[in-house]
Amino acid sequence: MDGDIGWGGLAASLVLVAVAVTLSLWRRLGLEGSMVWASARALVQLLLVGAALKLLLEPDVPLAWSWLWVVAMLLFAAETVRRRAREVRGLFPLALAAFGVAAVVSLGVLFGLGVFEVDTRTLIPLAGMMVGNSLSATVLVARRVHDELRDQRDEVEARLALGQPSVEAARPYVRRALRTALVPQIETTKAVGLVFLPGAMTGLILAGVEPLDAVRVQAAVMYLVLGSAATTTTVMALGVSRRLFTRDHRLVRLERPAGA
């Protein structure tokens, strides 16, 4: 099967956006403008990425440019986490460290063990999958650790008064935040193949790749996503927890975000 749908096919698929807009109008959801803007923005961004990838895939382009792209992804992801979890101060360097550790671990395994060859065609998409699928969980765990320690302040301070160090006093709340952040990804992983076919596998099959070949690639990608999400959330949770205590094991004052 030819996976090239052409510009006409792409234009025809916009009918689905029209369906979504129509349903929003019918139910008076007020989301029509957001739907149109999101669809247009996604198309422009994808076209720009596609054009950039086409340049990077030229035989004489050094791989270093692809690694710079990965660094830009990590910086953008860290800034996104900082903006979405403003109640946690000084979050940018911690978020950057979390994504950096995940990149070293996940890409190190996939490339170091020879699962994929290191080139532009694999490096940028895999790094994008790693960052994109870890982003929401990383934001969630940062906010949950902060909120858990703030809302359970009396319990935390009671643990500290009994002589527990800050790491021990915060442990149950960090564990709860990590479970909240990771359970959705675990459930998604369990449902792959039975409930839905994920994007990478669907794209490969539509492009004409043999189904079993597509399955192997998709399985490796799912393991990448699960491992990177677990890594980023763990580094983030431990880092945020450490930041919320002073050096002499006292819980700092935690404010509710504006409008909460």
C-alpha atoms as a PDB file:
ATOM      1  CA  MET A   1       0.000   0.000   0.000  1.00  0.00           C
ATOM      2  CA  ASP A   2       1.323   3.464  -0.919  1.00  0.00           C
ATOM      3  CA  GLY A   3       1.715   5.589   2.199  1.00  0.00           C
ATOM      4  CA  ASP A   4       1.875   8.889   0.221  1.00  0.00           C
ATOM      5  CA  ILE A   5      -1.594  10.408   0.535  1.00  0.00           C
ATOM      6  CA  GLY A   6      -0.628  13.517  -1.439  1.00  0.00           C
ATOM      7  CA  TRP A   7      -1.670  17.114  -0.835  1.00  0.00           C
ATOM      8  CA  GLY A   8      -5.189  16.357  -2.064  1.00  0.00           C
ATOM      9  CA  GLY A   9      -5.555  13.618   0.518  1.00  0.00           C
ATOM     10  CA  LEU A  10      -4.269  15.929   3.224  1.00  0.00           C
ATOM     11  CA  ALA A  11      -6.792  18.574   2.211  1.00  0.00           C
ATOM     12  CA  ALA A  12      -9.575  15.979   2.220  1.00  0.00           C
ATOM     13  CA  SER A  13      -8.664  14.952   5.769  1.00  0.00           C
ATOM     14  CA  LEU A  14      -9.536  18.475   6.894  1.00  0.00           C
ATOM     15  CA  VAL A  15     -13.149  17.344   6.665  1.00  0.00           C
ATOM     16  CA  LEU A  16     -12.540  15.671  10.038  1.00  0.00           C
ATOM     17  CA  VAL A  17     -11.570  19.030  11.526  1.00  0.00           C
ATOM     18  CA  ALA A  18     -14.789  20.440  10.100  1.00  0.00           C
ATOM     19  CA  VAL A  19     -16.680  17.620  11.832  1.00  0.00           C
ATOM     20  CA  ALA A  20     -15.070  18.515  15.163  1.00  0.00           C
ATOM     21  CA  VAL A  21     -15.867  22.210  14.677  1.00  0.00           C
ATOM     22  CA  THR A  22     -19.474  21.386  13.742  1.00  0.00           C
ATOM     23  CA  LEU A  23     -19.927  19.281  16.877  1.00  0.00           C
ATOM     24  CA  SER A  24     -18.493  22.098  18.986  1.00  0.00           C
ATOM     25  CA  LEU A  25     -20.929  24.564  17.428  1.00  0.00           C
ATOM     26  CA  TRP A  26     -23.842  22.176  17.890  1.00  0.00           C
ATOM     27  CA  ARG A  27     -23.129  21.622  21.568  1.00  0.00           C
ATOM     28  CA  ARG A  28     -22.061  25.260  22.117  1.00  0.00           C
ATOM     29  CA  LEU A  29     -18.689  24.250  23.510  1.00  0.00           C
ATOM     30  CA  GLY A  30     -16.936  27.407  22.377  1.00  0.00           C
ATOM     31  CA  LEU A  31     -13.918  25.422  21.161  1.00  0.00           C
ATOM     32  CA  GLU A  32     -14.186  26.132  17.429  1.00  0.00           C
ATOM     33  CA  GLY A  33     -11.437  28.739  17.356  1.00  0.00           C
ATOM     34  CA  SER A  34      -9.107  26.563  19.423  1.00  0.00           C
ATOM     35  CA  MET A  35      -9.718  23.593  17.142  1.00  0.00           C
ATOM     36  CA  VAL A  36      -8.983  25.565  13.975  1.00  0.00           C
ATOM     37  CA  TRP A  37      -5.919  27.224  15.522  1.00  0.00           C
ATOM     38  CA  ALA A  38      -4.563  23.937  16.860  1.00  0.00           C
ATOM     39  CA  SER A  39      -5.029  22.213  13.503  1.00  0.00           C
ATOM     40  CA  ALA A  40      -3.381  25.036  11.566  1.00  0.00           C
ATOM     41  CA  ARG A  41      -0.526  25.364  14.038  1.00  0.00           C
ATOM     42  CA  ALA A  42       0.117  21.616  14.007  1.00  0.00           C
ATOM     43  CA  LEU A  43       0.277  21.581  10.207  1.00  0.00           C
ATOM     44  CA  VAL A  44       2.690  24.531  10.058  1.00  0.00           C
ATOM     45  CA  GLN A  45       4.920  23.033  12.747  1.00  0.00           C
ATOM     46  CA  LEU A  46       4.971  19.640  11.038  1.00  0.00           C
ATOM     47  CA  LEU A  47       5.811  21.217   7.674  1.00  0.00           C
ATOM     48  CA  LEU A  48       8.694  23.152   9.240  1.00  0.00           C
ATOM     49  CA  VAL A  49       9.976  20.024  10.991  1.00  0.00           C
ATOM     50  CA  GLY A  50       9.654  18.032   7.784  1.00  0.00           C
ATOM     51  CA  ALA A  51      11.623  20.637   5.846  1.00  0.00           C
ATOM     52  CA  ALA A  52      14.336  20.733   8.525  1.00  0.00           C
ATOM     53  CA  LEU A  53      14.549  16.934   8.611  1.00  0.00           C
ATOM     54  CA  LYS A  54      14.883  16.831   4.839  1.00  0.00           C
ATOM     55  CA  LEU A  55      17.920  19.093   5.102  1.00  0.00           C
ATOM     56  CA  LEU A  56      19.446  17.075   7.951  1.00  0.00           C
ATOM     57  CA  LEU A  57      18.961  13.823   6.055  1.00  0.00           C
ATOM     58  CA  GLU A  58      21.260  14.970   3.283  1.00  0.00           C
ATOM     59  CA  PRO A  59      24.304  12.626   3.147  1.00  0.00           C
ATOM     60  CA  ASP A  60      26.893  15.358   3.719  1.00  0.00           C
ATOM     61  CA  VAL A  61      25.218  16.901   6.822  1.00  0.00           C
ATOM     62  CA  PRO A  62      27.131  16.075  10.058  1.00  0.00           C
ATOM     63  CA  LEU A  63      25.269  14.153  12.767  1.00  0.00           C
ATOM     64  CA  ALA A  64      26.235  16.898  15.226  1.00  0.00           C
ATOM     65  CA  TRP A  65      23.346  19.012  13.885  1.00  0.00           C
ATOM     66  CA  SER A  66      20.907  16.281  14.892  1.00  0.00           C
ATOM     67  CA  TRP A  67      22.371  16.204  18.404  1.00  0.00           C
ATOM     68  CA  LEU A  68      21.931  19.986  18.596  1.00  0.00           C
ATOM     69  CA  TRP A  69      18.275  19.459  17.703  1.00  0.00           C
ATOM     70  CA  VAL A  70      17.971  16.997  20.585  1.00  0.00           C
ATOM     71  CA  VAL A  71      19.526  19.551  22.963  1.00  0.00           C
ATOM     72  CA  ALA A  72      16.988  22.130  21.762  1.00  0.00           C
ATOM     73  CA  MET A  73      14.195  19.631  22.486  1.00  0.00           C
ATOM     74  CA  LEU A  74      15.456  19.162  26.040  1.00  0.00           C
ATOM     75  CA  LEU A  75      15.702  22.912  26.630  1.00  0.00           C
ATOM     76  CA  PHE A  76      12.198  23.507  25.263  1.00  0.00           C
ATOM     77  CA  ALA A  77      10.771  20.681  27.373  1.00  0.00           C
ATOM     78  CA  ALA A  78      12.423  22.034  30.537  1.00  0.00           C
ATOM     79  CA  GLU A  79      11.032  25.503  29.869  1.00  0.00           C
ATOM     80  CA  THR A  80       7.564  24.022  29.260  1.00  0.00           C
ATOM     81  CA  VAL A  81       7.681  22.227  32.619  1.00  0.00           C
ATOM     82  CA  ARG A  82       8.753  25.454  34.325  1.00  0.00           C
ATOM     83  CA  ARG A  83       5.831  27.373  32.807  1.00  0.00           C
ATOM     84  CA  ARG A  84       3.243  24.716  33.625  1.00  0.00           C
ATOM     85  CA  ALA A  85       4.351  24.235  37.229  1.00  0.00           C
ATOM     86  CA  ARG A  86       5.050  27.810  38.284  1.00  0.00           C
ATOM     87  CA  GLU A  87       4.305  27.088  41.931  1.00  0.00           C
ATOM     88  CA  VAL A  88       7.572  25.141  42.150  1.00  0.00           C
ATOM     89  CA  ARG A  89      10.378  27.690  42.128  1.00  0.00           C
ATOM     90  CA  GLY A  90      13.644  27.207  40.264  1.00  0.00           C
ATOM     91  CA  LEU A  91      12.263  24.297  38.271  1.00  0.00           C
ATOM     92  CA  PHE A  92      14.050  24.847  34.938  1.00  0.00           C
ATOM     93  CA  PRO A  93      17.467  23.353  35.846  1.00  0.00           C
ATOM     94  CA  LEU A  94      15.819  20.427  37.612  1.00  0.00           C
ATOM     95  CA  ALA A  95      13.557  19.713  34.636  1.00  0.00           C
ATOM     96  CA  LEU A  96      16.524  19.950  32.286  1.00  0.00           C
ATOM     97  CA  ALA A  97      18.429  17.484  34.457  1.00  0.00           C
ATOM     98  CA  ALA A  98      15.451  15.086  34.482  1.00  0.00           C
ATOM     99  CA  PHE A  99      15.131  15.091  30.699  1.00  0.00           C
ATOM    100  CA  GLY A 100      18.892  14.905  30.309  1.00  0.00           C
ATOM    101  CA  VAL A 101      19.148  11.817  32.515  1.00  0.00           C
ATOM    102  CA  ALA A 102      16.271  10.202  30.620  1.00  0.00           C
ATOM    103  CA  ALA A 103      17.999  10.942  27.312  1.00  0.00           C
ATOM    104  CA  VAL A 104      21.264   9.394  28.478  1.00  0.00           C
ATOM    105  CA  VAL A 105      19.516   6.294  29.816  1.00  0.00           C
ATOM    106  CA  SER A 106      16.962   5.652  27.076  1.00  0.00           C
ATOM    107  CA  LEU A 107      18.974   6.666  24.024  1.00  0.00           C
ATOM    108  CA  GLY A 108      22.043   5.048  25.550  1.00  0.00           C
ATOM    109  CA  VAL A 109      20.213   1.725  25.765  1.00  0.00           C
ATOM    110  CA  LEU A 110      18.660   1.883  22.299  1.00  0.00           C
ATOM    111  CA  PHE A 111      21.833   2.971  20.533  1.00  0.00           C
ATOM    112  CA  GLY A 112      24.393   1.406  22.843  1.00  0.00           C
ATOM    113  CA  LEU A 113      22.814  -2.051  22.573  1.00  0.00           C
ATOM    114  CA  GLY A 114      22.334  -1.732  18.832  1.00  0.00           C
ATOM    115  CA  VAL A 115      18.521  -1.682  18.857  1.00  0.00           C
ATOM    116  CA  PHE A 116      18.672   1.223  16.394  1.00  0.00           C
ATOM    117  CA  GLU A 117      21.545   2.650  14.391  1.00  0.00           C
ATOM    118  CA  VAL A 118      22.643   6.146  15.327  1.00  0.00           C
ATOM    119  CA  ASP A 119      21.646   8.474  12.509  1.00  0.00           C
ATOM    120  CA  THR A 120      19.348  11.439  11.938  1.00  0.00           C
ATOM    121  CA  ARG A 121      16.458   9.237  10.816  1.00  0.00           C
ATOM    122  CA  THR A 122      16.370   7.481  14.205  1.00  0.00           C
ATOM    123  CA  LEU A 123      17.886   9.990  16.637  1.00  0.00           C
ATOM    124  CA  ILE A 124      15.464  12.883  16.234  1.00  0.00           C
ATOM    125  CA  PRO A 125      12.201  10.873  16.143  1.00  0.00           C
ATOM    126  CA  LEU A 126      13.209   8.725  19.132  1.00  0.00           C
ATOM    127  CA  ALA A 127      14.289  11.763  21.141  1.00  0.00           C
ATOM    128  CA  GLY A 128      10.998  13.427  20.239  1.00  0.00           C
ATOM    129  CA  MET A 129       9.033  10.396  21.431  1.00  0.00           C
ATOM    130  CA  MET A 130      11.019  10.352  24.654  1.00  0.00           C
ATOM    131  CA  VAL A 131      10.458  14.027  25.428  1.00  0.00           C
ATOM    132  CA  GLY A 132       6.886  14.316  24.182  1.00  0.00           C
ATOM    133  CA  ASN A 133       5.554  11.326  26.066  1.00  0.00           C
ATOM    134  CA  SER A 134       7.347  12.235  29.309  1.00  0.00           C
ATOM    135  CA  LEU A 135       6.352  15.888  29.387  1.00  0.00           C
ATOM    136  CA  SER A 136       2.872  15.676  30.904  1.00  0.00           C
ATOM    137  CA  ALA A 137       3.914  13.119  33.518  1.00  0.00           C
ATOM    138  CA  THR A 138       6.888  15.289  34.505  1.00  0.00           C
ATOM    139  CA  VAL A 139       4.700  18.355  34.970  1.00  0.00           C
ATOM    140  CA  LEU A 140       2.165  16.305  36.906  1.00  0.00           C
ATOM    141  CA  VAL A 141       4.668  14.783  39.320  1.00  0.00           C
ATOM    142  CA  ALA A 142       6.284  18.162  40.055  1.00  0.00           C
ATOM    143  CA  ARG A 143       2.934  19.690  40.933  1.00  0.00           C
ATOM    144  CA  ARG A 144       1.751  16.654  42.898  1.00  0.00           C
ATOM    145  CA  VAL A 145       4.859  16.489  45.082  1.00  0.00           C
ATOM    146  CA  HIS A 146       4.477  20.189  45.843  1.00  0.00           C
ATOM    147  CA  ASP A 147       0.749  19.871  46.572  1.00  0.00           C
ATOM    148  CA  GLU A 148       1.099  16.699  48.647  1.00  0.00           C
ATOM    149  CA  LEU A 149       3.726  18.254  50.916  1.00  0.00           C
ATOM    150  CA  ARG A 150       1.751  21.479  51.195  1.00  0.00           C
ATOM    151  CA  ASP A 151      -1.595  19.815  51.955  1.00  0.00           C
ATOM    152  CA  GLN A 152      -0.096  17.256  54.344  1.00  0.00           C
ATOM    153  CA  ARG A 153       2.170  19.746  56.080  1.00  0.00           C
ATOM    154  CA  ASP A 154       1.027  18.768  59.591  1.00  0.00           C
ATOM    155  CA  GLU A 155       1.820  15.096  58.943  1.00  0.00           C
ATOM    156  CA  VAL A 156       5.174  15.921  57.387  1.00  0.00           C
ATOM    157  CA  GLU A 157       6.184  18.148  60.294  1.00  0.00           C
ATOM    158  CA  ALA A 158       5.059  15.463  62.757  1.00  0.00           C
ATOM    159  CA  ARG A 159       7.382  13.006  61.017  1.00  0.00           C
ATOM    160  CA  LEU A 160      10.208  15.521  61.199  1.00  0.00           C
ATOM    161  CA  ALA A 161       9.493  16.124  64.907  1.00  0.00           C
ATOM    162  CA  LEU A 162       9.862  12.371  65.507  1.00  0.00           C
ATOM    163  CA  GLY A 163      13.395  12.583  64.166  1.00  0.00           C
ATOM    164  CA  GLN A 164      12.902  11.444  60.599  1.00  0.00           C
ATOM    165  CA  PRO A 165      15.169  13.139  58.034  1.00  0.00           C
ATOM    166  CA  SER A 166      13.440  15.055  55.248  1.00  0.00           C
ATOM    167  CA  VAL A 167      13.915  12.222  52.741  1.00  0.00           C
ATOM    168  CA  GLU A 168      12.087   9.768  55.006  1.00  0.00           C
ATOM    169  CA  ALA A 169       9.399  12.264  55.994  1.00  0.00           C
ATOM    170  CA  ALA A 170       8.580  13.004  52.356  1.00  0.00           C
ATOM    171  CA  ARG A 171       8.824   9.416  51.104  1.00  0.00           C
ATOM    172  CA  PRO A 172       5.095   8.424  51.217  1.00  0.00           C
ATOM    173  CA  TYR A 173       4.016  11.639  49.475  1.00  0.00           C
ATOM    174  CA  VAL A 174       6.690  11.324  46.800  1.00  0.00           C
ATOM    175  CA  ARG A 175       5.623   7.709  46.238  1.00  0.00           C
ATOM    176  CA  ARG A 176       1.980   8.769  45.880  1.00  0.00           C
ATOM    177  CA  ALA A 177       2.862  11.494  43.387  1.00  0.00           C
ATOM    178  CA  LEU A 178       4.982   9.100  41.316  1.00  0.00           C
ATOM    179  CA  ARG A 179       2.203   6.527  41.178  1.00  0.00           C
ATOM    180  CA  THR A 180      -0.273   9.172  40.035  1.00  0.00           C
ATOM    181  CA  ALA A 181       2.058  10.315  37.258  1.00  0.00           C
ATOM    182  CA  LEU A 182       3.054   6.856  36.005  1.00  0.00           C
ATOM    183  CA  VAL A 183      -0.173   4.856  36.200  1.00  0.00           C
ATOM    184  CA  PRO A 184      -1.693   6.415  33.027  1.00  0.00           C
ATOM    185  CA  GLN A 185       1.407   5.487  30.997  1.00  0.00           C
ATOM    186  CA  ILE A 186       1.381   1.965  32.432  1.00  0.00           C
ATOM    187  CA  GLU A 187      -2.289   1.555  31.534  1.00  0.00           C
ATOM    188  CA  THR A 188      -1.623   2.841  28.030  1.00  0.00           C
ATOM    189  CA  THR A 189       1.203   0.352  27.616  1.00  0.00           C
ATOM    190  CA  LYS A 190      -1.041  -2.508  28.735  1.00  0.00           C
ATOM    191  CA  ALA A 191      -3.764  -1.528  26.261  1.00  0.00           C
ATOM    192  CA  VAL A 192      -1.500  -1.352  23.189  1.00  0.00           C
ATOM    193  CA  GLY A 193      -2.612  -3.801  20.513  1.00  0.00           C
ATOM    194  CA  LEU A 194      -5.866  -4.765  22.201  1.00  0.00           C
ATOM    195  CA  VAL A 195      -7.636  -1.445  22.597  1.00  0.00           C
ATOM    196  CA  PHE A 196      -5.763   0.681  20.050  1.00  0.00           C
ATOM    197  CA  LEU A 197      -2.887   0.685  17.573  1.00  0.00           C
ATOM    198  CA  PRO A 198      -0.338   3.377  18.497  1.00  0.00           C
ATOM    199  CA  GLY A 199       0.855   6.024  16.078  1.00  0.00           C
ATOM    200  CA  ALA A 200       4.270   4.631  15.158  1.00  0.00           C
ATOM    201  CA  MET A 201       2.880   1.203  14.263  1.00  0.00           C
ATOM    202  CA  THR A 202      -0.067   2.676  12.378  1.00  0.00           C
ATOM    203  CA  GLY A 203       2.229   4.959  10.389  1.00  0.00           C
ATOM    204  CA  LEU A 204       4.562   2.119   9.454  1.00  0.00           C
ATOM    205  CA  ILE A 205       1.704  -0.124   8.348  1.00  0.00           C
ATOM    206  CA  LEU A 206       0.180   2.683   6.272  1.00  0.00           C
ATOM    207  CA  ALA A 207       3.606   3.214   4.710  1.00  0.00           C
ATOM    208  CA  GLY A 208       3.650  -0.427   3.595  1.00  0.00           C
ATOM    209  CA  VAL A 209       5.931  -1.979   6.224  1.00  0.00           C
ATOM    210  CA  GLU A 210       5.251  -5.620   7.110  1.00  0.00           C
ATOM    211  CA  PRO A 211       3.056  -5.821  10.260  1.00  0.00           C
ATOM    212  CA  LEU A 212       5.546  -7.877  12.291  1.00  0.00           C
ATOM    213  CA  ASP A 213       8.331  -5.423  11.445  1.00  0.00           C
ATOM    214  CA  ALA A 214       6.057  -2.588  12.554  1.00  0.00           C
ATOM    215  CA  VAL A 215       5.288  -4.467  15.781  1.00  0.00           C
ATOM    216  CA  ARG A 216       8.972  -4.792  16.674  1.00  0.00           C
ATOM    217  CA  VAL A 217       9.575  -1.089  16.124  1.00  0.00           C
ATOM    218  CA  GLN A 218       6.466  -0.133  18.074  1.00  0.00           C
ATOM    219  CA  ALA A 219       7.358  -2.385  21.010  1.00  0.00           C
ATOM    220  CA  ALA A 220      10.810  -0.807  21.246  1.00  0.00           C
ATOM    221  CA  VAL A 221       9.230   2.666  21.113  1.00  0.00           C
ATOM    222  CA  MET A 222       6.741   1.782  23.858  1.00  0.00           C
ATOM    223  CA  TYR A 223       9.557   0.546  26.074  1.00  0.00           C
ATOM    224  CA  LEU A 224      11.405   3.788  25.341  1.00  0.00           C
ATOM    225  CA  VAL A 225       8.366   5.811  26.391  1.00  0.00           C
ATOM    226  CA  LEU A 226       7.787   3.843  29.590  1.00  0.00           C
ATOM    227  CA  GLY A 227      11.447   3.924  30.618  1.00  0.00           C
ATOM    228  CA  SER A 228      11.899   7.619  29.881  1.00  0.00           C
ATOM    229  CA  ALA A 229       8.676   8.581  31.696  1.00  0.00           C
ATOM    230  CA  ALA A 230       9.751   6.599  34.758  1.00  0.00           C
ATOM    231  CA  THR A 231      13.198   8.205  34.672  1.00  0.00           C
ATOM    232  CA  THR A 232      12.082  11.816  34.257  1.00  0.00           C
ATOM    233  CA  THR A 233       9.342  11.572  36.884  1.00  0.00           C
ATOM    234  CA  THR A 234      11.622   9.900  39.428  1.00  0.00           C
ATOM    235  CA  VAL A 235      14.390  12.488  39.002  1.00  0.00           C
ATOM    236  CA  MET A 236      11.819  15.276  39.113  1.00  0.00           C
ATOM    237  CA  ALA A 237       9.997  13.952  42.194  1.00  0.00           C
ATOM    238  CA  LEU A 238      13.180  13.449  44.176  1.00  0.00           C
ATOM    239  CA  GLY A 239      14.550  16.811  43.090  1.00  0.00           C
ATOM    240  CA  VAL A 240      11.393  18.754  43.925  1.00  0.00           C
ATOM    241  CA  SER A 241      11.120  17.008  47.291  1.00  0.00           C
ATOM    242  CA  ARG A 242      14.708  17.953  48.129  1.00  0.00           C
ATOM    243  CA  ARG A 243      14.117  21.578  47.136  1.00  0.00           C
ATOM    244  CA  LEU A 244      11.125  21.900  49.458  1.00  0.00           C
ATOM    245  CA  PHE A 245      13.186  21.256  52.570  1.00  0.00           C
ATOM    246  CA  THR A 246      15.945  23.357  54.092  1.00  0.00           C
ATOM    247  CA  ARG A 247      19.370  21.914  54.825  1.00  0.00           C
ATOM    248  CA  ASP A 248      18.376  21.431  58.468  1.00  0.00           C
ATOM    249  CA  HIS A 249      15.340  19.325  57.415  1.00  0.00           C
ATOM    250  CA  ARG A 250      12.562  21.880  57.756  1.00  0.00           C
ATOM    251  CA  LEU A 251       9.693  22.110  55.276  1.00  0.00           C
ATOM    252  CA  VAL A 252       9.681  25.477  53.524  1.00  0.00           C
ATOM    253  CA  ARG A 253       6.566  27.613  53.299  1.00  0.00           C
ATOM    254  CA  LEU A 254       4.479  26.461  50.342  1.00  0.00           C
ATOM    255  CA  GLU A 255       1.918  28.808  48.819  1.00  0.00           C
ATOM    256  CA  ARG A 256      -1.076  27.923  46.701  1.00  0.00           C
ATOM    257  CA  PRO A 257      -0.770  29.150  43.105  1.00  0.00           C
ATOM    258  CA  ALA A 258      -2.708  32.270  42.193  1.00  0.00           C
ATOM    259  CA  GLY A 259      -6.295  31.470  41.261  1.00  0.00           C
ATOM    260  CA  ALA A 260      -6.242  28.055  42.933  1.00  0.00           C
END
